[in-house]
Protein backbone atom coordinates (compact mmCIF):
# COMPACT_ATOMS: atom_id res chain seq x y z
CA UNK A 1 0.35 0.10 -0.18
CA UNK A 2 1.09 3.52 -1.32
CA UNK A 3 2.50 6.06 2.01
CA UNK A 4 1.08 9.36 2.64
CA UNK A 5 3.00 12.10 4.36
CA UNK A 6 2.17 15.19 4.69
CA UNK A 7 4.97 17.82 5.61
CA UNK A 8 3.12 20.96 7.42
CA UNK A 9 4.84 23.66 9.46
CA UNK A 10 3.27 27.00 11.97
CA UNK A 11 5.01 29.38 13.54
CA UNK A 12 4.21 29.99 16.62
CA UNK A 13 4.18 33.79 18.71
CA UNK A 14 4.88 31.75 22.00
CA UNK A 15 8.57 30.67 23.63
CA UNK A 16 9.36 26.49 21.98
CA UNK A 17 9.10 25.04 26.19
CA UNK A 18 5.72 26.67 26.42
CA UNK A 19 4.74 24.88 22.95
CA UNK A 20 6.79 21.84 24.36
CA UNK A 21 4.52 22.22 27.43
CA UNK A 22 1.54 22.02 25.66
CA UNK A 23 2.33 19.54 23.53
CA UNK A 24 3.65 17.43 26.16
CA UNK A 25 0.60 17.35 28.24
CA UNK A 26 -0.27 14.39 25.86
CA UNK A 27 -3.34 13.81 27.39
CA UNK A 28 -5.25 16.71 26.96
CA UNK A 29 -4.79 17.33 23.15
CA UNK A 30 -8.87 17.86 22.87
CA UNK A 31 -8.21 21.64 24.05
CA UNK A 32 -6.13 22.23 21.32
CA UNK A 33 -7.76 20.62 18.18
CA UNK A 34 -11.20 21.27 16.48
CA UNK A 35 -11.46 17.78 15.14
CA UNK A 36 -11.24 16.00 18.27
CA UNK A 37 -14.18 15.93 20.45
CA UNK A 38 -12.25 14.20 24.02
CA UNK A 39 -8.97 12.84 25.20
CA UNK A 40 -7.37 10.90 27.65
CA UNK A 41 -4.51 9.84 28.93
CA UNK A 42 -4.66 5.22 28.99
CA UNK A 43 -1.31 4.95 30.43
CA UNK A 44 0.41 5.87 34.42
CA UNK A 45 2.91 7.68 32.14
CA UNK A 46 1.87 11.12 31.89
CA UNK A 47 4.27 11.84 28.67
CA UNK A 48 7.73 10.98 26.92
CA UNK A 49 8.22 6.94 25.79
CA UNK A 50 5.57 4.68 25.79
CA UNK A 51 2.57 7.15 27.14
CA UNK A 52 -0.46 6.55 25.86
CA UNK A 53 -3.98 8.15 25.02
CA UNK A 54 -7.05 7.69 23.41
CA UNK A 55 -9.38 10.18 21.53
CA UNK A 56 -12.93 10.41 20.23
CA UNK A 57 -12.75 12.27 17.54
CA UNK A 58 -16.31 14.90 16.80
CA UNK A 59 -17.58 12.80 13.63
CA UNK A 60 -18.59 9.53 12.28
CA UNK A 61 -17.39 7.96 16.33
CA UNK A 62 -14.17 7.40 15.03
CA UNK A 63 -11.74 7.14 18.23
CA UNK A 64 -7.73 6.47 18.72
CA UNK A 65 -5.36 4.96 20.63
CA UNK A 66 -2.08 6.53 20.52
CA UNK A 67 1.28 6.36 22.15
CA UNK A 68 5.09 8.18 22.25
CA UNK A 69 7.13 6.01 20.15
CA UNK A 70 9.75 8.52 20.53
CA UNK A 71 10.16 11.10 23.23
CA UNK A 72 13.29 13.95 22.71
CA UNK A 73 13.25 16.26 25.34
CA UNK A 74 12.56 19.84 24.69
CA UNK A 75 12.47 19.38 20.79
CA UNK A 76 10.94 15.83 19.03
CA UNK A 77 8.20 13.38 19.53
CA UNK A 78 6.19 10.55 17.81
CA UNK A 79 3.46 9.33 18.38
CA UNK A 80 1.58 6.13 17.08
CA UNK A 81 -1.47 5.28 15.93
CA UNK A 82 -2.38 1.30 17.42
CA UNK A 83 -5.95 0.68 17.51
CA UNK A 84 -8.78 2.36 15.84
CA UNK A 85 -12.72 3.01 15.58
CA UNK A 86 -14.48 3.37 13.05
CA UNK A 87 -11.35 4.53 10.98
CA UNK A 88 -11.40 1.18 9.00
CA UNK A 89 -9.24 1.57 5.91
CA UNK A 90 -5.98 3.95 7.83
CA UNK A 91 -3.35 1.83 8.95
CA UNK A 92 0.00 2.34 10.47
CA UNK A 93 -0.20 5.98 11.02
CA UNK A 94 2.60 8.03 13.25
CA UNK A 95 2.75 11.66 13.54
CA UNK A 96 6.40 13.87 14.55
CA UNK A 97 6.61 16.56 15.61
CA UNK A 98 9.75 19.05 15.75
CA UNK A 99 10.04 22.32 17.77
CA UNK A 100 12.80 25.11 16.87
CA UNK A 101 13.36 28.39 18.25
CA UNK A 102 12.39 30.91 15.73
CA UNK A 103 12.49 34.70 15.79
CA UNK A 104 10.79 34.86 18.94
CA UNK A 105 8.95 32.54 18.81
CA UNK A 106 9.03 28.49 17.77
CA UNK A 107 8.22 26.71 14.62
CA UNK A 108 7.15 23.82 14.91
CA UNK A 109 7.30 21.12 12.05
CA UNK A 110 5.25 18.20 11.57
CA UNK A 111 5.05 15.29 9.23
CA UNK A 112 1.83 12.74 9.08
CA UNK A 113 1.73 9.13 8.14
CA UNK A 114 -0.23 6.77 7.15
CA UNK A 115 -1.41 4.01 4.74
CA UNK A 116 -4.91 3.11 3.70
CA UNK A 117 -5.92 -0.88 4.04
CA UNK A 118 -6.28 -2.44 0.16
CA UNK A 119 -6.13 -0.86 -3.48
CA UNK A 120 -9.67 0.61 -2.95
CA UNK A 121 -8.34 2.84 0.04
CA UNK A 122 -5.84 3.62 -2.11
CA UNK A 123 -7.84 4.79 -4.40
CA UNK A 124 -10.44 6.49 -2.02
CA UNK A 125 -6.69 7.77 -0.56
CA UNK A 126 -5.74 9.88 -3.92
CA UNK A 127 -9.42 10.80 -4.77
CA UNK A 128 -10.27 12.52 -1.55
CA UNK A 129 -9.06 11.11 2.22
CA UNK A 130 -5.31 13.02 1.10
CA UNK A 131 -6.77 16.48 1.31
CA UNK A 132 -9.22 15.49 3.63
CA UNK A 133 -6.21 13.82 6.19
CA UNK A 134 -4.16 17.25 4.93
CA UNK A 135 -6.93 19.59 6.06
CA UNK A 136 -7.86 18.10 9.74
CA UNK A 137 -4.00 17.47 10.32
CA UNK A 138 -3.71 21.47 9.49
CA UNK A 139 -6.78 22.21 11.32
CA UNK A 140 -5.07 20.95 13.69
CA UNK A 141 -1.69 22.97 13.57
CA UNK A 142 -3.20 25.98 13.55
CA UNK A 143 -6.04 24.92 16.87
CA UNK A 144 -2.15 24.39 18.37
CA UNK A 145 -1.13 28.20 17.30
CA UNK A 146 -4.21 29.38 18.45
CA UNK A 147 -4.24 27.82 22.20
CA UNK A 148 -0.22 29.04 22.50
CA UNK A 149 -1.03 32.71 20.89
CA UNK A 150 -4.21 32.93 23.33
CA UNK A 151 -4.48 30.53 26.40
CA UNK A 152 -8.32 29.57 24.28
CA UNK A 153 -9.77 25.70 24.21
CA UNK A 154 -10.11 24.83 20.38
CA UNK A 155 -13.25 23.57 19.49
CA UNK A 156 -14.89 22.78 16.17
CA UNK A 157 -16.43 26.73 16.57
CA UNK A 158 -13.22 28.20 16.89
CA UNK A 159 -12.01 30.39 14.18
CA UNK A 160 -8.73 29.26 12.99
CA UNK A 161 -6.13 30.78 10.86
CA UNK A 162 -5.75 28.22 8.91
CA UNK A 163 -3.65 30.31 6.04
CA UNK A 164 -0.83 30.22 9.40
CA UNK A 165 0.62 26.84 8.44
CA UNK A 166 1.83 25.45 5.33
């Protein structure tokens, strides 16, 4: 199956330490994403290698289980989706987050990768799913920026500056 990789970057007007602290709060990703209705830790570990969480998405009743598989304190981490509900074709999802100082703020660089589980899935991905996943990922990064800069929780009604994500 074909691997899809979505690379995106956003400059956040907040210190690298603050942005790191926000994303290292692994169980509370719902505060950052318009697409996640609820999230919580499923491990005794709050963050770092092996920490895991559950996320309920706002659409399709989708649910995922994710865990941290790489952790470079203060600089980068990688998560892996290891179980899903109501996302039948998505497999091998991983997301990488890299934090760098940028002027008076932070450059957050991300890679989101996945593959579909069939040839039909690959066709649906090329026709529609990749575009939808990219849009959702951009909304997530804009949500991180919004939360870091304003302190306001993000939900599906939050007006986000999608043009700030490249």
